[in-house]
Amino acid sequence: MPTINLMTSSAPLGRRHVLRQAAVAALAGAGLFATAGPAAHAASRRADALLPPIAQTVNLSLNIFGASLVLPLPKPLPRLNFLGSQTVKILIGGTDFVRMQILSLSLEADHPLLGKVTLSEPDIDTSPSSILKLGPAGLIETLLMSPKMTIDRLGDLAGPLTFRMTTPAQATGTLTHFPPPPQGTNPDGSPTGGAFLRAAGPMNFTLEGVLPSGGTLPDLTAVKLQWDGVNEGALA
């Protein structure tokens, strides 16, 4: 291999810089210059440490506190505190992220006018996978879900009423690790611990089917669940 002098003083400064860059490239091509430095190895170790292993199944507790259900009912709007859980499976993603498939999802809230209100996994889930990726301060989780909503009754109208989601709901938050720490609840139902994922917008629903009694219903084609986000934590 020819000798390359990196200290050629007869060349102007700009030309010397070009020659030096060419020399480094030549050495790298010959296998004599390490192209993957400590930073690249550190990043790889960081990804291995933070991202959960592929095919792992994770159980999470969920809390949606203080959501408002927009329905054609006299105000004030029903306020709901959902408690429940979901199970996700870690799927292959890319060099800095994994995908998460929701295997099961169930959240419940109670209200005097509505009875039990349930958010659960639909029979056929067509929503995209959730994403867990490396971020500047740990991990960034983007939760995507399309639950169906079931209401026991609507005031004096007997149910149950079932609603399907028109577009997937999304919530995003920063985590130091996954799964997040276990969570608990205060006496008022608000969550403690865990990690908070902020909602990107309301959950949009439309009525699916008709009442078993064949009763007359108000327009339920544009029902919304206004939520700030969801708190999640590890569940044993």
Protein backbone atom coordinates (compact mmCIF):
# COMPACT_ATOMS: atom_id res chain seq x y z
CA MET A 1 0.00 0.00 0.00
CA PRO A 2 1.46 3.43 -0.91
CA THR A 3 2.54 5.74 1.92
CA ILE A 4 0.23 8.70 2.47
CA ASN A 5 1.74 11.77 4.12
CA LEU A 6 -0.91 13.61 6.13
CA MET A 7 1.44 16.52 6.92
CA THR A 8 2.14 17.80 3.39
CA SER A 9 3.16 21.41 4.12
CA SER A 10 3.61 22.51 0.50
CA ALA A 11 -0.12 22.31 -0.26
CA PRO A 12 -2.36 25.23 0.60
CA LEU A 13 -4.51 24.83 3.75
CA GLY A 14 -7.71 24.05 1.85
CA ARG A 15 -5.97 21.50 -0.35
CA ARG A 16 -4.27 19.94 2.70
CA HIS A 17 -7.70 19.42 4.28
CA VAL A 18 -8.96 17.69 1.12
CA LEU A 19 -5.86 15.47 1.04
CA ARG A 20 -6.31 14.55 4.69
CA GLN A 21 -9.95 13.58 4.09
CA ALA A 22 -8.90 11.44 1.12
CA ALA A 23 -6.24 9.75 3.22
CA VAL A 24 -8.70 8.91 6.00
CA ALA A 25 -11.08 7.46 3.41
CA ALA A 26 -8.28 5.36 1.92
CA LEU A 27 -7.24 4.00 5.31
CA ALA A 28 -10.84 3.18 6.18
CA GLY A 29 -11.26 1.37 2.88
CA ALA A 30 -8.15 -0.68 3.63
CA GLY A 31 -9.55 -1.66 7.01
CA LEU A 32 -6.91 0.35 8.92
CA PHE A 33 -9.28 3.01 10.32
CA ALA A 34 -12.17 2.29 12.69
CA THR A 35 -15.38 3.68 11.15
CA ALA A 36 -17.64 2.66 14.05
CA GLY A 37 -16.45 4.64 17.04
CA PRO A 38 -17.36 4.46 20.74
CA ALA A 39 -20.45 6.63 20.18
CA ALA A 40 -21.94 4.13 17.72
CA HIS A 41 -21.28 1.21 20.09
CA ALA A 42 -22.74 3.17 23.01
CA ALA A 43 -25.87 3.92 21.00
CA SER A 44 -26.23 0.24 20.15
CA ARG A 45 -25.88 -0.76 23.81
CA ARG A 46 -28.41 1.94 24.76
CA ALA A 47 -30.94 0.58 22.29
CA ASP A 48 -30.44 -2.98 23.56
CA ALA A 49 -30.90 -1.83 27.17
CA LEU A 50 -33.99 0.36 26.70
CA LEU A 51 -36.04 -1.37 24.00
CA PRO A 52 -37.91 -4.50 25.20
CA PRO A 53 -37.07 -7.83 23.55
CA ILE A 54 -39.01 -8.95 20.48
CA ALA A 55 -41.93 -11.36 21.13
CA GLN A 56 -42.22 -10.32 24.79
CA THR A 57 -45.79 -9.93 26.11
CA VAL A 58 -46.34 -7.03 28.52
CA ASN A 59 -49.33 -6.41 30.81
CA LEU A 60 -50.13 -2.76 31.57
CA SER A 61 -52.63 -1.06 33.87
CA LEU A 62 -54.47 1.94 32.34
CA ASN A 63 -56.20 4.98 33.85
CA ILE A 64 -58.13 7.60 31.83
CA PHE A 65 -59.17 10.16 34.44
CA GLY A 66 -61.73 12.93 34.01
CA ALA A 67 -62.82 12.21 30.42
CA SER A 68 -65.97 13.95 29.10
CA LEU A 69 -68.45 12.12 26.89
CA VAL A 70 -70.07 14.40 24.30
CA LEU A 71 -73.62 13.10 23.83
CA PRO A 72 -77.01 14.68 22.98
CA LEU A 73 -77.92 14.88 26.68
CA PRO A 74 -78.68 17.88 28.91
CA LYS A 75 -75.50 19.48 30.24
CA PRO A 76 -73.26 19.04 32.15
CA LEU A 77 -71.48 16.43 30.03
CA PRO A 78 -70.92 13.05 31.72
CA ARG A 79 -67.50 12.88 33.38
CA LEU A 80 -65.91 9.44 33.40
CA ASN A 81 -62.95 7.85 35.17
CA PHE A 82 -61.83 4.72 33.29
CA LEU A 83 -59.78 2.01 34.99
CA GLY A 84 -58.50 -1.09 33.25
CA SER A 85 -55.62 -2.83 31.53
CA GLN A 86 -54.15 -3.88 28.23
CA THR A 87 -51.77 -6.57 27.02
CA VAL A 88 -49.31 -5.80 24.24
CA LYS A 89 -46.88 -7.96 22.28
CA ILE A 90 -43.52 -6.54 21.19
CA LEU A 91 -42.95 -6.87 17.44
CA ILE A 92 -39.91 -6.17 15.29
CA GLY A 93 -39.57 -2.56 14.15
CA GLY A 94 -36.24 -0.99 13.18
CA THR A 95 -32.81 -0.10 14.55
CA ASP A 96 -34.23 2.43 17.03
CA PHE A 97 -37.83 1.32 17.59
CA VAL A 98 -40.16 -1.61 18.13
CA ARG A 99 -43.85 -2.00 17.33
CA MET A 100 -46.49 -3.01 19.88
CA GLN A 101 -49.57 -5.05 18.99
CA ILE A 102 -52.54 -4.74 21.36
CA LEU A 103 -53.69 -8.25 22.25
CA SER A 104 -56.38 -7.24 24.73
CA LEU A 105 -57.82 -3.98 26.06
CA SER A 106 -60.52 -3.28 28.64
CA LEU A 107 -61.39 -0.09 30.56
CA GLU A 108 -64.53 0.56 32.61
CA ALA A 109 -66.22 3.61 34.12
CA ASP A 110 -69.56 4.11 35.92
CA HIS A 111 -72.05 6.97 35.58
CA PRO A 112 -75.58 7.40 37.02
CA LEU A 113 -77.16 8.25 33.63
CA LEU A 114 -75.16 5.81 31.52
CA GLY A 115 -74.55 2.86 33.81
CA LYS A 116 -71.32 1.05 32.98
CA VAL A 117 -69.29 2.48 30.11
CA THR A 118 -66.71 0.10 28.63
CA LEU A 119 -63.84 0.59 26.20
CA SER A 120 -62.67 -2.75 24.82
CA GLU A 121 -60.79 -4.29 21.93
CA PRO A 122 -63.02 -4.59 18.83
CA ASP A 123 -63.71 -7.95 17.20
CA ILE A 124 -61.51 -6.91 14.27
CA ASP A 125 -58.77 -4.38 15.05
CA THR A 126 -57.53 -2.55 11.96
CA SER A 127 -55.58 0.19 13.75
CA PRO A 128 -51.82 0.45 13.15
CA SER A 129 -49.39 -0.91 15.74
CA SER A 130 -48.26 1.34 18.57
CA ILE A 131 -44.62 2.48 18.47
CA LEU A 132 -41.91 2.54 21.13
CA LYS A 133 -38.73 4.29 19.99
CA LEU A 134 -35.52 5.73 21.36
CA GLY A 135 -35.71 9.42 22.21
CA PRO A 136 -33.35 12.09 23.53
CA ALA A 137 -34.47 11.48 27.13
CA GLY A 138 -35.18 7.75 27.09
CA LEU A 139 -38.12 6.30 25.17
CA ILE A 140 -41.06 7.82 23.31
CA GLU A 141 -44.26 5.78 23.22
CA THR A 142 -47.00 6.47 20.68
CA LEU A 143 -50.12 4.54 21.61
CA LEU A 144 -52.61 3.86 18.81
CA MET A 145 -55.89 2.14 19.62
CA SER A 146 -59.39 1.75 18.18
CA PRO A 147 -61.57 0.42 21.01
CA LYS A 148 -65.30 -0.05 20.75
CA MET A 149 -67.42 1.67 23.40
CA THR A 150 -70.42 0.11 25.09
CA ILE A 151 -72.94 2.05 27.23
CA ASP A 152 -75.48 0.27 29.45
CA ARG A 153 -78.17 2.88 28.84
CA LEU A 154 -78.71 6.46 27.69
CA GLY A 155 -80.82 8.18 30.32
CA ASP A 156 -84.29 6.56 30.09
CA LEU A 157 -83.40 4.64 26.92
CA ALA A 158 -82.45 1.04 27.58
CA GLY A 159 -79.34 -0.39 26.02
CA PRO A 160 -76.79 -1.59 25.63
CA LEU A 161 -75.53 0.77 22.93
CA THR A 162 -72.35 -0.09 21.05
CA PHE A 163 -70.18 2.49 19.28
CA ARG A 164 -67.27 1.93 16.93
CA MET A 165 -64.33 4.30 16.61
CA THR A 166 -64.15 6.20 13.31
CA THR A 167 -60.40 6.96 13.47
CA PRO A 168 -57.69 5.48 15.75
CA ALA A 169 -57.04 7.36 18.98
CA GLN A 170 -53.47 8.46 19.65
CA ALA A 171 -51.53 9.37 22.80
CA THR A 172 -47.80 10.06 23.16
CA GLY A 173 -45.42 10.35 26.12
CA THR A 174 -41.80 10.08 27.24
CA LEU A 175 -40.72 7.10 29.37
CA THR A 176 -37.47 6.47 31.20
CA HIS A 177 -37.99 2.73 30.69
CA PHE A 178 -40.61 0.24 29.49
CA PRO A 179 -42.79 -0.94 31.02
CA PRO A 180 -43.30 2.15 33.20
CA PRO A 181 -43.41 1.84 37.01
CA PRO A 182 -46.58 0.35 38.55
CA GLN A 183 -49.36 2.86 39.09
CA GLY A 184 -52.00 3.37 41.75
CA THR A 185 -55.05 5.59 42.24
CA ASN A 186 -55.92 8.37 44.64
CA PRO A 187 -59.30 8.33 46.44
CA ASP A 188 -60.78 10.55 43.71
CA GLY A 189 -59.69 8.10 41.00
CA SER A 190 -56.73 10.12 39.71
CA PRO A 191 -53.63 8.04 38.97
CA THR A 192 -50.33 7.91 40.83
CA GLY A 193 -47.04 6.56 39.49
CA GLY A 194 -46.81 5.08 36.01
CA ALA A 195 -46.28 7.26 32.95
CA PHE A 196 -48.64 9.74 31.27
CA LEU A 197 -49.31 9.69 27.52
CA ARG A 198 -50.96 12.89 26.24
CA ALA A 199 -53.89 12.57 23.84
CA ALA A 200 -53.54 14.00 20.33
CA GLY A 201 -57.29 14.64 20.08
CA PRO A 202 -60.69 13.25 21.11
CA MET A 203 -61.88 9.70 20.52
CA ASN A 204 -64.51 9.84 17.78
CA PHE A 205 -67.33 7.27 17.76
CA THR A 206 -70.46 6.48 15.79
CA LEU A 207 -73.37 4.24 16.77
CA GLU A 208 -73.13 0.66 15.57
CA GLY A 209 -76.41 -1.20 15.07
CA VAL A 210 -79.71 -0.31 16.77
CA LEU A 211 -81.23 -0.66 20.20
CA PRO A 212 -82.56 -4.15 20.99
CA SER A 213 -85.89 -2.53 21.95
CA GLY A 214 -86.06 -0.66 18.64
CA GLY A 215 -86.49 2.62 20.54
CA THR A 216 -86.10 6.05 18.98
CA LEU A 217 -82.64 7.52 19.46
CA PRO A 218 -81.20 10.98 19.10
CA ASP A 219 -78.42 11.49 16.54
CA LEU A 220 -75.48 9.41 17.77
CA THR A 221 -73.35 9.51 14.61
CA ALA A 222 -70.76 11.90 16.08
CA VAL A 223 -70.14 10.96 19.72
CA LYS A 224 -66.84 12.11 21.20
CA LEU A 225 -64.83 11.15 24.25
CA GLN A 226 -62.72 14.14 25.24
CA TRP A 227 -59.68 12.89 27.18
CA ASP A 228 -56.41 14.49 28.24
CA GLY A 229 -54.55 11.23 27.88
CA VAL A 230 -53.92 7.91 29.58
CA ASN A 231 -51.74 6.88 32.48
CA GLU A 232 -50.13 3.45 32.16
CA GLY A 233 -47.99 1.32 34.42
CA ALA A 234 -46.56 -2.15 34.76
CA LEU A 235 -49.06 -4.81 35.83
CA ALA A 236 -47.86 -8.02 37.46
